[in-house]
PDB file of N, CA and C in Angstrom:
ATOM      1  N   UNK A   1     -20.741  20.682 -13.998  1.00  0.00           N
ATOM      2  CA  UNK A   1     -20.466  19.632 -13.089  1.00  0.00           C
ATOM      3  C   UNK A   1     -19.295  18.962 -13.225  1.00  0.00           C
ATOM      4  N   UNK A   2     -18.129  19.063 -12.911  1.00  0.00           N
ATOM      5  CA  UNK A   2     -16.959  18.163 -12.534  1.00  0.00           C
ATOM      6  C   UNK A   2     -16.957  17.218 -11.676  1.00  0.00           C
ATOM      7  N   UNK A   3     -16.187  16.122 -11.908  1.00  0.00           N
ATOM      8  CA  UNK A   3     -16.378  15.234 -11.836  1.00  0.00           C
ATOM      9  C   UNK A   3     -15.122  14.484 -11.702  1.00  0.00           C
ATOM     10  N   UNK A   4     -14.673  14.098  -9.994  1.00  0.00           N
ATOM     11  CA  UNK A   4     -13.312  13.780 -10.175  1.00  0.00           C
ATOM     12  C   UNK A   4     -13.314  12.436  -9.652  1.00  0.00           C
ATOM     13  N   UNK A   5     -12.639  11.432 -10.173  1.00  0.00           N
ATOM     14  CA  UNK A   5     -12.091  10.036 -10.543  1.00  0.00           C
ATOM     15  C   UNK A   5     -10.901   9.606  -9.690  1.00  0.00           C
ATOM     16  N   UNK A   6     -11.050   9.274  -7.898  1.00  0.00           N
ATOM     17  CA  UNK A   6      -9.769   8.811  -7.364  1.00  0.00           C
ATOM     18  C   UNK A   6      -9.228   7.335  -7.821  1.00  0.00           C
ATOM     19  N   UNK A   7      -8.106   6.722  -7.671  1.00  0.00           N
ATOM     20  CA  UNK A   7      -7.368   5.579  -8.017  1.00  0.00           C
ATOM     21  C   UNK A   7      -7.919   5.057  -6.350  1.00  0.00           C
ATOM     22  N   UNK A   8      -7.584   3.944  -6.028  1.00  0.00           N
ATOM     23  CA  UNK A   8      -7.609   2.816  -5.089  1.00  0.00           C
ATOM     24  C   UNK A   8      -6.498   3.408  -4.297  1.00  0.00           C
ATOM     25  N   UNK A   9      -4.898   4.074  -5.021  1.00  0.00           N
ATOM     26  CA  UNK A   9      -3.810   4.684  -4.275  1.00  0.00           C
ATOM     27  C   UNK A   9      -4.442   5.660  -3.328  1.00  0.00           C
ATOM     28  N   UNK A  10      -5.008   6.695  -4.112  1.00  0.00           N
ATOM     29  CA  UNK A  10      -5.657   8.070  -3.491  1.00  0.00           C
ATOM     30  C   UNK A  10      -6.458   7.612  -2.520  1.00  0.00           C
ATOM     31  N   UNK A  11      -7.193   7.090  -2.755  1.00  0.00           N
ATOM     32  CA  UNK A  11      -8.379   6.718  -2.027  1.00  0.00           C
ATOM     33  C   UNK A  11      -7.604   5.753  -0.529  1.00  0.00           C
ATOM     34  N   UNK A  12      -6.981   5.252  -0.353  1.00  0.00           N
ATOM     35  CA  UNK A  12      -6.207   4.903   0.287  1.00  0.00           C
ATOM     36  C   UNK A  12      -4.742   5.849   1.355  1.00  0.00           C
ATOM     37  N   UNK A  13      -4.617   7.031   0.297  1.00  0.00           N
ATOM     38  CA  UNK A  13      -3.693   7.829   1.489  1.00  0.00           C
ATOM     39  C   UNK A  13      -5.009   8.558   1.582  1.00  0.00           C
ATOM     40  N   UNK A  14      -6.106   9.166   0.949  1.00  0.00           N
ATOM     41  CA  UNK A  14      -6.770   9.799   1.765  1.00  0.00           C
ATOM     42  C   UNK A  14      -7.515   9.124   3.880  1.00  0.00           C
ATOM     43  N   UNK A  15      -7.508   7.728   3.527  1.00  0.00           N
ATOM     44  CA  UNK A  15      -7.642   7.377   4.849  1.00  0.00           C
ATOM     45  C   UNK A  15      -6.530   6.465   5.517  1.00  0.00           C
ATOM     46  N   UNK A  16      -5.362   7.190   4.985  1.00  0.00           N
ATOM     47  CA  UNK A  16      -3.855   6.558   5.755  1.00  0.00           C
ATOM     48  C   UNK A  16      -4.004   4.857   6.050  1.00  0.00           C
ATOM     49  N   UNK A  17      -4.351   4.424   4.713  1.00  0.00           N
ATOM     50  CA  UNK A  17      -4.126   2.749   4.695  1.00  0.00           C
ATOM     51  C   UNK A  17      -3.729   2.042   3.677  1.00  0.00           C
ATOM     52  N   UNK A  18      -3.350   0.928   3.499  1.00  0.00           N
ATOM     53  CA  UNK A  18      -3.036   0.625   2.233  1.00  0.00           C
ATOM     54  C   UNK A  18      -4.100   0.512   0.736  1.00  0.00           C
ATOM     55  N   UNK A  19      -3.457   0.266  -0.157  1.00  0.00           N
ATOM     56  CA  UNK A  19      -4.709   0.203  -1.290  1.00  0.00           C
ATOM     57  C   UNK A  19      -4.853  -1.398  -1.138  1.00  0.00           C
ATOM     58  N   UNK A  20      -4.321  -2.331  -0.772  1.00  0.00           N
ATOM     59  CA  UNK A  20      -5.008  -3.520  -0.180  1.00  0.00           C
ATOM     60  C   UNK A  20      -6.244  -3.455   0.952  1.00  0.00           C
ATOM     61  N   UNK A  21      -6.182  -2.565   1.113  1.00  0.00           N
ATOM     62  CA  UNK A  21      -7.222  -2.553   2.326  1.00  0.00           C
ATOM     63  C   UNK A  21      -8.199  -2.062   1.666  1.00  0.00           C
ATOM     64  N   UNK A  22      -8.368  -0.808   1.010  1.00  0.00           N
ATOM     65  CA  UNK A  22      -9.312  -0.435  -0.068  1.00  0.00           C
ATOM     66  C   UNK A  22     -10.308  -1.469  -0.635  1.00  0.00           C
ATOM     67  N   UNK A  23      -8.930  -2.454  -1.010  1.00  0.00           N
ATOM     68  CA  UNK A  23     -10.153  -3.294  -2.312  1.00  0.00           C
ATOM     69  C   UNK A  23     -10.363  -4.436  -1.485  1.00  0.00           C
ATOM     70  N   UNK A  24     -10.031  -4.548  -0.210  1.00  0.00           N
ATOM     71  CA  UNK A  24     -10.639  -5.449   0.543  1.00  0.00           C
ATOM     72  C   UNK A  24     -11.865  -4.724   1.173  1.00  0.00           C
ATOM     73  N   UNK A  25     -11.944  -3.426   1.113  1.00  0.00           N
ATOM     74  CA  UNK A  25     -13.194  -2.781   1.573  1.00  0.00           C
ATOM     75  C   UNK A  25     -14.646  -3.310   0.445  1.00  0.00           C
ATOM     76  N   UNK A  26     -13.728  -3.114  -0.609  1.00  0.00           N
ATOM     77  CA  UNK A  26     -14.873  -2.843  -1.821  1.00  0.00           C
ATOM     78  C   UNK A  26     -15.103  -4.780  -1.969  1.00  0.00           C
ATOM     79  N   UNK A  27     -14.675  -5.436  -1.541  1.00  0.00           N
ATOM     80  CA  UNK A  27     -15.005  -6.934  -2.048  1.00  0.00           C
ATOM     81  C   UNK A  27     -15.695  -7.790  -1.271  1.00  0.00           C
ATOM     82  N   UNK A  28     -15.432  -7.030   0.094  1.00  0.00           N
ATOM     83  CA  UNK A  28     -16.404  -7.078   0.894  1.00  0.00           C
ATOM     84  C   UNK A  28     -17.518  -6.592   1.226  1.00  0.00           C
ATOM     85  N   UNK A  29     -17.681  -5.349   0.473  1.00  0.00           N
ATOM     86  CA  UNK A  29     -19.041  -4.511   0.527  1.00  0.00           C
ATOM     87  C   UNK A  29     -19.229  -3.475   1.603  1.00  0.00           C
ATOM     88  N   UNK A  30     -17.767  -2.957   2.231  1.00  0.00           N
ATOM     89  CA  UNK A  30     -18.437  -2.432   3.166  1.00  0.00           C
ATOM     90  C   UNK A  30     -17.448  -1.040   2.763  1.00  0.00           C
ATOM     91  N   UNK A  31     -16.772  -0.635   1.806  1.00  0.00           N
ATOM     92  CA  UNK A  31     -16.190   0.745   1.547  1.00  0.00           C
ATOM     93  C   UNK A  31     -17.059   1.126   0.349  1.00  0.00           C
ATOM     94  N   UNK A  32     -16.198   2.386  -0.114  1.00  0.00           N
ATOM     95  CA  UNK A  32     -17.128   3.314  -1.235  1.00  0.00           C
ATOM     96  C   UNK A  32     -16.945   2.457  -2.054  1.00  0.00           C
ATOM     97  N   UNK A  33     -18.305   2.878  -3.074  1.00  0.00           N
ATOM     98  CA  UNK A  33     -17.968   2.071  -4.421  1.00  0.00           C
ATOM     99  C   UNK A  33     -17.040   2.699  -5.166  1.00  0.00           C
ATOM    100  N   UNK A  34     -16.706   1.763  -6.231  1.00  0.00           N
ATOM    101  CA  UNK A  34     -15.539   2.300  -6.984  1.00  0.00           C
ATOM    102  C   UNK A  34     -16.176   1.107  -8.518  1.00  0.00           C
ATOM    103  N   UNK A  35     -15.574   2.384  -9.481  1.00  0.00           N
ATOM    104  CA  UNK A  35     -16.358   1.597 -10.727  1.00  0.00           C
ATOM    105  C   UNK A  35     -14.547   0.840 -11.776  1.00  0.00           C
ATOM    106  N   UNK A  36     -15.324  -0.324 -12.140  1.00  0.00           N
ATOM    107  CA  UNK A  36     -14.003  -0.897 -12.881  1.00  0.00           C
ATOM    108  C   UNK A  36     -13.888  -0.289 -14.080  1.00  0.00           C
ATOM    109  N   UNK A  37     -13.113   0.102 -14.754  1.00  0.00           N
ATOM    110  CA  UNK A  37     -12.806   0.780 -16.234  1.00  0.00           C
ATOM    111  C   UNK A  37     -11.580   0.195 -16.352  1.00  0.00           C
ATOM    112  N   UNK A  38     -11.270  -0.525 -17.147  1.00  0.00           N
ATOM    113  CA  UNK A  38     -10.589  -1.068 -17.792  1.00  0.00           C
ATOM    114  C   UNK A  38     -10.094  -2.305 -16.613  1.00  0.00           C
ATOM    115  N   UNK A  39      -8.995  -2.264 -16.476  1.00  0.00           N
ATOM    116  CA  UNK A  39      -7.957  -3.097 -15.482  1.00  0.00           C
ATOM    117  C   UNK A  39      -7.948  -2.249 -13.809  1.00  0.00           C
ATOM    118  N   UNK A  40      -8.108  -0.836 -14.166  1.00  0.00           N
ATOM    119  CA  UNK A  40      -8.793   0.167 -12.889  1.00  0.00           C
ATOM    120  C   UNK A  40      -9.962   0.518 -12.306  1.00  0.00           C
ATOM    121  N   UNK A  41      -9.720   0.637 -10.806  1.00  0.00           N
ATOM    122  CA  UNK A  41     -10.904   0.542 -10.577  1.00  0.00           C
ATOM    123  C   UNK A  41     -10.978   2.075  -9.783  1.00  0.00           C
ATOM    124  N   UNK A  42     -11.929   3.095 -10.210  1.00  0.00           N
ATOM    125  CA  UNK A  42     -11.896   4.473  -9.716  1.00  0.00           C
ATOM    126  C   UNK A  42     -13.001   4.891  -8.997  1.00  0.00           C
ATOM    127  N   UNK A  43     -13.369   5.809  -8.477  1.00  0.00           N
ATOM    128  CA  UNK A  43     -13.843   5.898  -7.198  1.00  0.00           C
ATOM    129  C   UNK A  43     -14.423   7.635  -7.423  1.00  0.00           C
ATOM    130  N   UNK A  44     -15.614   7.912  -7.481  1.00  0.00           N
ATOM    131  CA  UNK A  44     -16.228   9.357  -7.429  1.00  0.00           C
ATOM    132  C   UNK A  44     -15.777  10.071  -5.762  1.00  0.00           C
ATOM    133  N   UNK A  45     -15.204  11.419  -6.040  1.00  0.00           N
ATOM    134  CA  UNK A  45     -14.457  11.598  -5.023  1.00  0.00           C
ATOM    135  C   UNK A  45     -15.966  11.877  -4.128  1.00  0.00           C
ATOM    136  N   UNK A  46     -16.813  12.717  -4.465  1.00  0.00           N
ATOM    137  CA  UNK A  46     -17.918  12.834  -4.033  1.00  0.00           C
ATOM    138  C   UNK A  46     -18.587  11.757  -2.878  1.00  0.00           C
ATOM    139  N   UNK A  47     -18.767  10.738  -3.824  1.00  0.00           N
ATOM    140  CA  UNK A  47     -19.314   9.216  -3.151  1.00  0.00           C
ATOM    141  C   UNK A  47     -18.094   9.331  -1.820  1.00  0.00           C
ATOM    142  N   UNK A  48     -17.007   8.765  -2.455  1.00  0.00           N
ATOM    143  CA  UNK A  48     -16.079   8.683  -1.129  1.00  0.00           C
ATOM    144  C   UNK A  48     -16.502   9.452  -0.146  1.00  0.00           C
ATOM    145  N   UNK A  49     -16.458  10.784  -0.112  1.00  0.00           N
ATOM    146  CA  UNK A  49     -16.874  11.626   0.828  1.00  0.00           C
ATOM    147  C   UNK A  49     -17.917  11.095   1.987  1.00  0.00           C
ATOM    148  N   UNK A  50     -19.054  11.217   1.158  1.00  0.00           N
ATOM    149  CA  UNK A  50     -20.508  10.585   1.090  1.00  0.00           C
ATOM    150  C   UNK A  50     -20.431   9.841   1.830  1.00  0.00           C
ATOM    151  N   UNK A  51     -19.597   8.572   1.841  1.00  0.00           N
ATOM    152  CA  UNK A  51     -19.412   7.097   2.381  1.00  0.00           C
ATOM    153  C   UNK A  51     -18.676   7.233   3.679  1.00  0.00           C
ATOM    154  N   UNK A  52     -18.062   8.644   3.595  1.00  0.00           N
ATOM    155  CA  UNK A  52     -16.560   8.647   4.708  1.00  0.00           C
ATOM    156  C   UNK A  52     -17.793   9.084   5.841  1.00  0.00           C
ATOM    157  N   UNK A  53     -18.826  10.295   5.275  1.00  0.00           N
ATOM    158  CA  UNK A  53     -19.453  11.052   6.392  1.00  0.00           C
ATOM    159  C   UNK A  53     -20.634   9.647   7.516  1.00  0.00           C
ATOM    160  N   UNK A  54     -20.811   8.860   6.266  1.00  0.00           N
ATOM    161  CA  UNK A  54     -22.170   8.158   6.925  1.00  0.00           C
ATOM    162  C   UNK A  54     -21.366   7.125   8.185  1.00  0.00           C
ATOM    163  N   UNK A  55     -19.996   6.686   7.334  1.00  0.00           N
ATOM    164  CA  UNK A  55     -19.631   6.055   8.773  1.00  0.00           C
ATOM    165  C   UNK A  55     -19.092   6.976  10.253  1.00  0.00           C
ATOM    166  N   UNK A  56     -18.861   8.895   9.668  1.00  0.00           N
ATOM    167  CA  UNK A  56     -18.908   9.421  11.118  1.00  0.00           C
ATOM    168  C   UNK A  56     -19.886  10.031  11.655  1.00  0.00           C
ATOM    169  N   UNK A  57     -21.213   9.831  11.249  1.00  0.00           N
ATOM    170  CA  UNK A  57     -22.133  10.275  11.721  1.00  0.00           C
ATOM    171  C   UNK A  57     -22.473  11.772  11.558  1.00  0.00           C
ATOM    172  N   UNK A  58     -21.491  11.946  10.448  1.00  0.00           N
ATOM    173  CA  UNK A  58     -22.125  13.605   9.797  1.00  0.00           C
ATOM    174  C   UNK A  58     -21.315  14.360  10.666  1.00  0.00           C
ATOM    175  N   UNK A  59     -22.010  15.583  11.180  1.00  0.00           N
ATOM    176  CA  UNK A  59     -21.528  16.749  11.469  1.00  0.00           C
ATOM    177  C   UNK A  59     -20.967  16.962  12.382  1.00  0.00           C
ATOM    178  N   UNK A  60     -19.617  16.895  12.863  1.00  0.00           N
ATOM    179  CA  UNK A  60     -18.912  17.087  14.321  1.00  0.00           C
ATOM    180  C   UNK A  60     -19.514  17.951  15.146  1.00  0.00           C
ATOM    181  N   UNK A  61     -19.820  19.063  15.685  1.00  0.00           N
ATOM    182  CA  UNK A  61     -21.134  19.635  16.293  1.00  0.00           C
ATOM    183  C   UNK A  61     -22.157  18.538  16.731  1.00  0.00           C
ATOM    184  N   UNK A  62     -22.763  18.152  15.735  1.00  0.00           N
ATOM    185  CA  UNK A  62     -23.702  17.698  16.204  1.00  0.00           C
ATOM    186  C   UNK A  62     -23.759  16.381  17.257  1.00  0.00           C
ATOM    187  N   UNK A  63     -22.822  15.672  16.914  1.00  0.00           N
ATOM    188  CA  UNK A  63     -22.252  14.570  17.648  1.00  0.00           C
ATOM    189  C   UNK A  63     -22.288  15.145  19.172  1.00  0.00           C
ATOM    190  N   UNK A  64     -21.263  15.968  19.250  1.00  0.00           N
ATOM    191  CA  UNK A  64     -20.305  16.610  20.231  1.00  0.00           C
ATOM    192  C   UNK A  64     -21.716  17.295  21.214  1.00  0.00           C
ATOM    193  N   UNK A  65     -22.949  17.965  21.122  1.00  0.00           N
ATOM    194  CA  UNK A  65     -23.632  18.198  21.439  1.00  0.00           C
ATOM    195  C   UNK A  65     -25.208  17.465  21.960  1.00  0.00           C
ATOM    196  N   UNK A  66     -25.088  16.043  20.833  1.00  0.00           N
ATOM    197  CA  UNK A  66     -26.136  15.636  21.468  1.00  0.00           C
ATOM    198  C   UNK A  66     -25.593  14.051  22.406  1.00  0.00           C
TER     199      UNK A  66
END
């Protein structure tokens, strides 16, 4: 099993927002969970994907036909 860790900047790029916004999301508890490693915060790519799916409601086909 390979775990890919993303930086705050990479997460921000995925969601087309600023790193400051991702830090704010983490601060108020509404964003994907990050793990502090020294001075950096890293995000498990799979957990970021799961967080996004929880926000958009899962499968598009299910939302269209529901």
